[in-house]
Every structure is written in C-alpha cells, then in structure tokens.
C-alpha atoms as a PDB file:
ATOM      1  CA  MET A   1     134.302  80.574  36.433  1.00  0.00           C
ATOM      2  CA  THR A   2     131.720  81.583  38.787  1.00  0.00           C
ATOM      3  CA  ALA A   3     132.204  83.814  42.627  1.00  0.00           C
ATOM      4  CA  PRO A   4     131.605  81.913  45.530  1.00  0.00           C
ATOM      5  CA  THR A   5     127.890  82.437  47.189  1.00  0.00           C
ATOM      6  CA  THR A   6     129.847  83.143  50.528  1.00  0.00           C
ATOM      7  CA  GLN A   7     133.500  84.458  51.397  1.00  0.00           C
ATOM      8  CA  ALA A   8     135.727  83.015  53.731  1.00  0.00           C
ATOM      9  CA  GLN A   9     137.222  84.021  57.244  1.00  0.00           C
ATOM     10  CA  LEU A  10     140.377  86.315  57.619  1.00  0.00           C
ATOM     11  CA  GLY A  11     141.632  85.598  60.456  1.00  0.00           C
ATOM     12  CA  TYR A  12     144.709  88.342  61.342  1.00  0.00           C
ATOM     13  CA  ILE A  13     147.305  89.739  59.984  1.00  0.00           C
ATOM     14  CA  ALA A  14     150.994  90.207  60.503  1.00  0.00           C
ATOM     15  CA  PRO A  15     153.253  93.213  59.187  1.00  0.00           C
ATOM     16  CA  PHE A  16     157.397  91.728  59.060  1.00  0.00           C
ATOM     17  CA  PHE A  17     159.868  93.470  60.305  1.00  0.00           C
ATOM     18  CA  ILE A  18     163.149  92.891  59.546  1.00  0.00           C
ATOM     19  CA  VAL A  19     165.345  93.920  62.591  1.00  0.00           C
ATOM     20  CA  ARG A  20     169.173  94.894  63.090  1.00  0.00           C
ATOM     21  CA  ASP A  21     169.081  91.989  66.317  1.00  0.00           C
ATOM     22  CA  VAL A  22     166.055  90.400  66.954  1.00  0.00           C
ATOM     23  CA  MET A  23     166.405  89.809  70.801  1.00  0.00           C
ATOM     24  CA  PRO A  24     165.800  93.891  71.352  1.00  0.00           C
ATOM     25  CA  ALA A  25     163.282  94.024  69.004  1.00  0.00           C
ATOM     26  CA  ILE A  26     161.261  91.135  71.220  1.00  0.00           C
ATOM     27  CA  ALA A  27     162.348  93.405  74.459  1.00  0.00           C
ATOM     28  CA  PHE A  28     160.481  96.436  72.486  1.00  0.00           C
ATOM     29  CA  TYR A  29     157.457  94.721  72.081  1.00  0.00           C
ATOM     30  CA  LYS A  30     157.412  92.821  75.264  1.00  0.00           C
ATOM     31  CA  ASP A  31     158.465  94.794  77.293  1.00  0.00           C
ATOM     32  CA  ARG A  32     157.211  98.215  76.214  1.00  0.00           C
ATOM     33  CA  LEU A  33     154.363  97.428  74.588  1.00  0.00           C
ATOM     34  CA  GLY A  34     152.811  94.359  76.427  1.00  0.00           C
ATOM     35  CA  PHE A  35     152.848  91.757  73.360  1.00  0.00           C
ATOM     36  CA  GLU A  36     153.784  87.946  74.261  1.00  0.00           C
ATOM     37  CA  LEU A  37     156.410  86.366  72.568  1.00  0.00           C
ATOM     38  CA  THR A  38     155.225  82.733  70.595  1.00  0.00           C
ATOM     39  CA  PHE A  39     157.663  81.047  68.702  1.00  0.00           C
ATOM     40  CA  LEU A  40     161.568  81.392  69.087  1.00  0.00           C
ATOM     41  CA  GLY A  41     163.778  79.850  65.919  1.00  0.00           C
ATOM     42  CA  PRO A  42     165.731  78.178  65.360  1.00  0.00           C
ATOM     43  CA  GLU A  43     167.032  77.850  68.443  1.00  0.00           C
ATOM     44  CA  ASP A  44     170.489  76.960  68.551  1.00  0.00           C
ATOM     45  CA  ASP A  45     170.221  80.094  66.882  1.00  0.00           C
ATOM     46  CA  PRO A  46     167.576  82.855  66.727  1.00  0.00           C
ATOM     47  CA  TYR A  47     167.289  84.852  64.103  1.00  0.00           C
ATOM     48  CA  PHE A  48     163.321  84.868  63.643  1.00  0.00           C
ATOM     49  CA  ALA A  49     160.902  85.538  65.966  1.00  0.00           C
ATOM     50  CA  MET A  50     155.984  85.545  66.704  1.00  0.00           C
ATOM     51  CA  LEU A  51     154.792  87.988  69.005  1.00  0.00           C
ATOM     52  CA  LYS A  52     150.743  89.573  69.677  1.00  0.00           C
ATOM     53  CA  ARG A  53     148.706  90.848  71.975  1.00  0.00           C
ATOM     54  CA  ASP A  54     144.889  90.353  71.503  1.00  0.00           C
ATOM     55  CA  GLY A  55     144.885  90.394  67.499  1.00  0.00           C
ATOM     56  CA  VAL A  56     146.931  92.083  66.131  1.00  0.00           C
ATOM     57  CA  ARG A  57     150.207  89.420  65.195  1.00  0.00           C
ATOM     58  CA  LEU A  58     153.907  90.240  64.447  1.00  0.00           C
ATOM     59  CA  MET A  59     157.140  89.091  62.792  1.00  0.00           C
ATOM     60  CA  LEU A  60     160.713  89.692  63.541  1.00  0.00           C
ATOM     61  CA  LYS A  61     163.454  88.753  61.386  1.00  0.00           C
ATOM     62  CA  ALA A  62     167.082  89.654  61.718  1.00  0.00           C
ATOM     63  CA  ILE A  63     168.613  87.996  58.612  1.00  0.00           C
ATOM     64  CA  THR A  64     171.849  89.546  58.238  1.00  0.00           C
ATOM     65  CA  PRO A  65     174.395  92.205  59.760  1.00  0.00           C
ATOM     66  CA  GLU A  66     174.699  93.626  55.487  1.00  0.00           C
ATOM     67  CA  VAL A  67     170.550  93.765  55.842  1.00  0.00           C
ATOM     68  CA  GLN A  68     169.350  97.180  57.419  1.00  0.00           C
ATOM     69  CA  PRO A  69     165.947  97.872  58.426  1.00  0.00           C
ATOM     70  CA  THR A  70     164.230  99.688  55.612  1.00  0.00           C
ATOM     71  CA  PRO A  71     160.434 101.571  57.065  1.00  0.00           C
ATOM     72  CA  ASN A  72     158.646 103.195  55.077  1.00  0.00           C
ATOM     73  CA  PRO A  73     159.051 106.402  56.895  1.00  0.00           C
ATOM     74  CA  SER A  74     163.203 105.877  56.436  1.00  0.00           C
ATOM     75  CA  ARG A  75     162.494 105.353  52.090  1.00  0.00           C
ATOM     76  CA  HIS A  76     159.358 107.756  51.811  1.00  0.00           C
ATOM     77  CA  HIS A  77     158.795 110.947  54.327  1.00  0.00           C
ATOM     78  CA  TRP A  78     155.010 110.190  52.988  1.00  0.00           C
ATOM     79  CA  ALA A  79     154.964 107.300  54.301  1.00  0.00           C
ATOM     80  CA  ARG A  80     154.406 107.728  57.748  1.00  0.00           C
ATOM     81  CA  TRP A  81     154.384 104.392  59.250  1.00  0.00           C
ATOM     82  CA  ASP A  82     154.971 100.435  58.774  1.00  0.00           C
ATOM     83  CA  ALA A  83     152.041  99.176  60.875  1.00  0.00           C
ATOM     84  CA  TYR A  84     148.663 101.009  61.751  1.00  0.00           C
ATOM     85  CA  VAL A  85     146.662  99.184  65.161  1.00  0.00           C
ATOM     86  CA  TYR A  86     143.454  99.986  65.651  1.00  0.00           C
ATOM     87  CA  THR A  87     142.806 100.222  69.179  1.00  0.00           C
ATOM     88  CA  PRO A  88     139.072 101.033  70.648  1.00  0.00           C
ATOM     89  CA  ASP A  89     140.399 103.526  72.536  1.00  0.00           C
ATOM     90  CA  PRO A  90     143.978 104.582  72.134  1.00  0.00           C
ATOM     91  CA  ASP A  91     143.697 106.948  75.603  1.00  0.00           C
ATOM     92  CA  ALA A  92     143.680 103.901  77.607  1.00  0.00           C
ATOM     93  CA  LEU A  93     147.003 102.255  75.724  1.00  0.00           C
ATOM     94  CA  ALA A  94     148.595 106.328  75.556  1.00  0.00           C
ATOM     95  CA  GLU A  95     148.749 105.724  79.125  1.00  0.00           C
ATOM     96  CA  GLU A  96     149.643 102.421  79.694  1.00  0.00           C
ATOM     97  CA  PHE A  97     152.252 102.515  76.978  1.00  0.00           C
ATOM     98  CA  THR A  98     153.286 105.851  78.641  1.00  0.00           C
ATOM     99  CA  SER A  99     153.718 103.424  81.874  1.00  0.00           C
ATOM    100  CA  ARG A 100     155.799 101.048  80.739  1.00  0.00           C
ATOM    101  CA  GLY A 101     158.642 103.849  79.317  1.00  0.00           C
ATOM    102  CA  VAL A 102     158.029 103.851  75.479  1.00  0.00           C
ATOM    103  CA  SER A 103     158.898 106.690  74.336  1.00  0.00           C
ATOM    104  CA  PHE A 104     155.913 108.644  71.294  1.00  0.00           C
ATOM    105  CA  ARG A 105     157.357 109.522  68.029  1.00  0.00           C
ATOM    106  CA  GLU A 106     153.478 111.248  67.974  1.00  0.00           C
ATOM    107  CA  PRO A 107     151.596 112.270  71.515  1.00  0.00           C
ATOM    108  CA  LEU A 108     147.831 111.330  71.853  1.00  0.00           C
ATOM    109  CA  GLY A 109     145.580 112.604  69.581  1.00  0.00           C
ATOM    110  CA  ASN A 110     143.573 113.204  66.930  1.00  0.00           C
ATOM    111  CA  ASN A 111     145.375 114.316  63.498  1.00  0.00           C
ATOM    112  CA  SER A 112     144.209 115.261  59.577  1.00  0.00           C
ATOM    113  CA  ASP A 113     143.161 111.886  58.189  1.00  0.00           C
ATOM    114  CA  GLN A 114     140.496 111.795  60.972  1.00  0.00           C
ATOM    115  CA  LEU A 115     141.928 109.560  63.687  1.00  0.00           C
ATOM    116  CA  ARG A 116     142.285 109.857  67.015  1.00  0.00           C
ATOM    117  CA  GLY A 117     145.745 107.695  68.702  1.00  0.00           C
ATOM    118  CA  PHE A 118     149.469 107.657  68.636  1.00  0.00           C
ATOM    119  CA  GLU A 119     152.892 107.253  66.964  1.00  0.00           C
ATOM    120  CA  VAL A 120     155.454 104.612  68.331  1.00  0.00           C
ATOM    121  CA  MET A 121     158.810 104.300  66.934  1.00  0.00           C
ATOM    122  CA  ASP A 122     160.785 101.263  67.298  1.00  0.00           C
ATOM    123  CA  ALA A 123     164.586 100.743  67.609  1.00  0.00           C
ATOM    124  CA  ASP A 124     165.124  99.700  64.171  1.00  0.00           C
ATOM    125  CA  GLY A 125     162.570 102.801  62.995  1.00  0.00           C
ATOM    126  CA  TYR A 126     159.046 100.703  62.063  1.00  0.00           C
ATOM    127  CA  VAL A 127     156.997 103.065  62.752  1.00  0.00           C
ATOM    128  CA  LEU A 128     153.313 102.416  64.691  1.00  0.00           C
ATOM    129  CA  TYR A 129     150.458 104.204  64.897  1.00  0.00           C
ATOM    130  CA  PHE A 130     147.699 103.056  67.521  1.00  0.00           C
ATOM    131  CA  GLY A 131     144.567 104.139  66.863  1.00  0.00           C
ATOM    132  CA  ARG A 132     141.066 104.476  65.826  1.00  0.00           C
ATOM    133  CA  PRO A 133     138.949 106.520  63.505  1.00  0.00           C
ATOM    134  CA  LEU A 134     137.320 109.942  65.057  1.00  0.00           C
END
C-alpha cells in the first residue's frame, strides 16, 4: 500500500471524562472555566454532555453510581494531568479564572517541563493544565 501524498487535516480532540453527576460537572466548566454547553442528553434523564471553548472540546458522562471517576493523578502520582490545554496567554487566562472564583491546584508559574501555566482540578478530581512552552 502506498502512502497518501497529503495528510488529511484533524480538527480537535475532546477528552472524555467519567463524572459522578453530569449537572454539577457542567456547571463547573461553564461557570468557572467559561465553556459553552453544546449537547446534553438524553432529554428525559441527562447523563452525557459536550462542551466547548474556542478549539477545546470536552465530553462528560455519568454512567452509574458504582462507576466512579478515576483521574490520572489518583491512579499514578507521576501522571499529574488528565488534559493539557494550550493557551498562548496563560497569564491572562489565570486572571480570568481568578475573577470567576476558580481555585488553582498549582498556581501560575514556570514549571520544570519548561512550560508556563497553571493547574485546575474539577470536582471529580480531573486535573487540567492550561499553559504554553516557555
């Protein structure tokens, strides 16, 4: 089989987080992080949601009370993040999040991975790093 001469373009990636309860999870991402709800279903008993902010997408799903979220940091101490979100201006984003009452797991700064940014943890324990290379 021969390789194609051009590559097809990719649009975005959407992390899929299992959550305890979809409605509080939606509220955190909308009210604190400025995401927009793009889908919630099924209508009669919602348990799945899709959200977006600029080119970033997230999927949230509550399965059953027996299936609990298992964020990376809770399984492996060395796996600090569940998602890396590139932002060209982490300082401005940190200021925005502060004005929305967001608590930071790790404050804005330069880290040992040569990144400038900060960490936020949601109510289910998922850790998102917002930043950029130095």
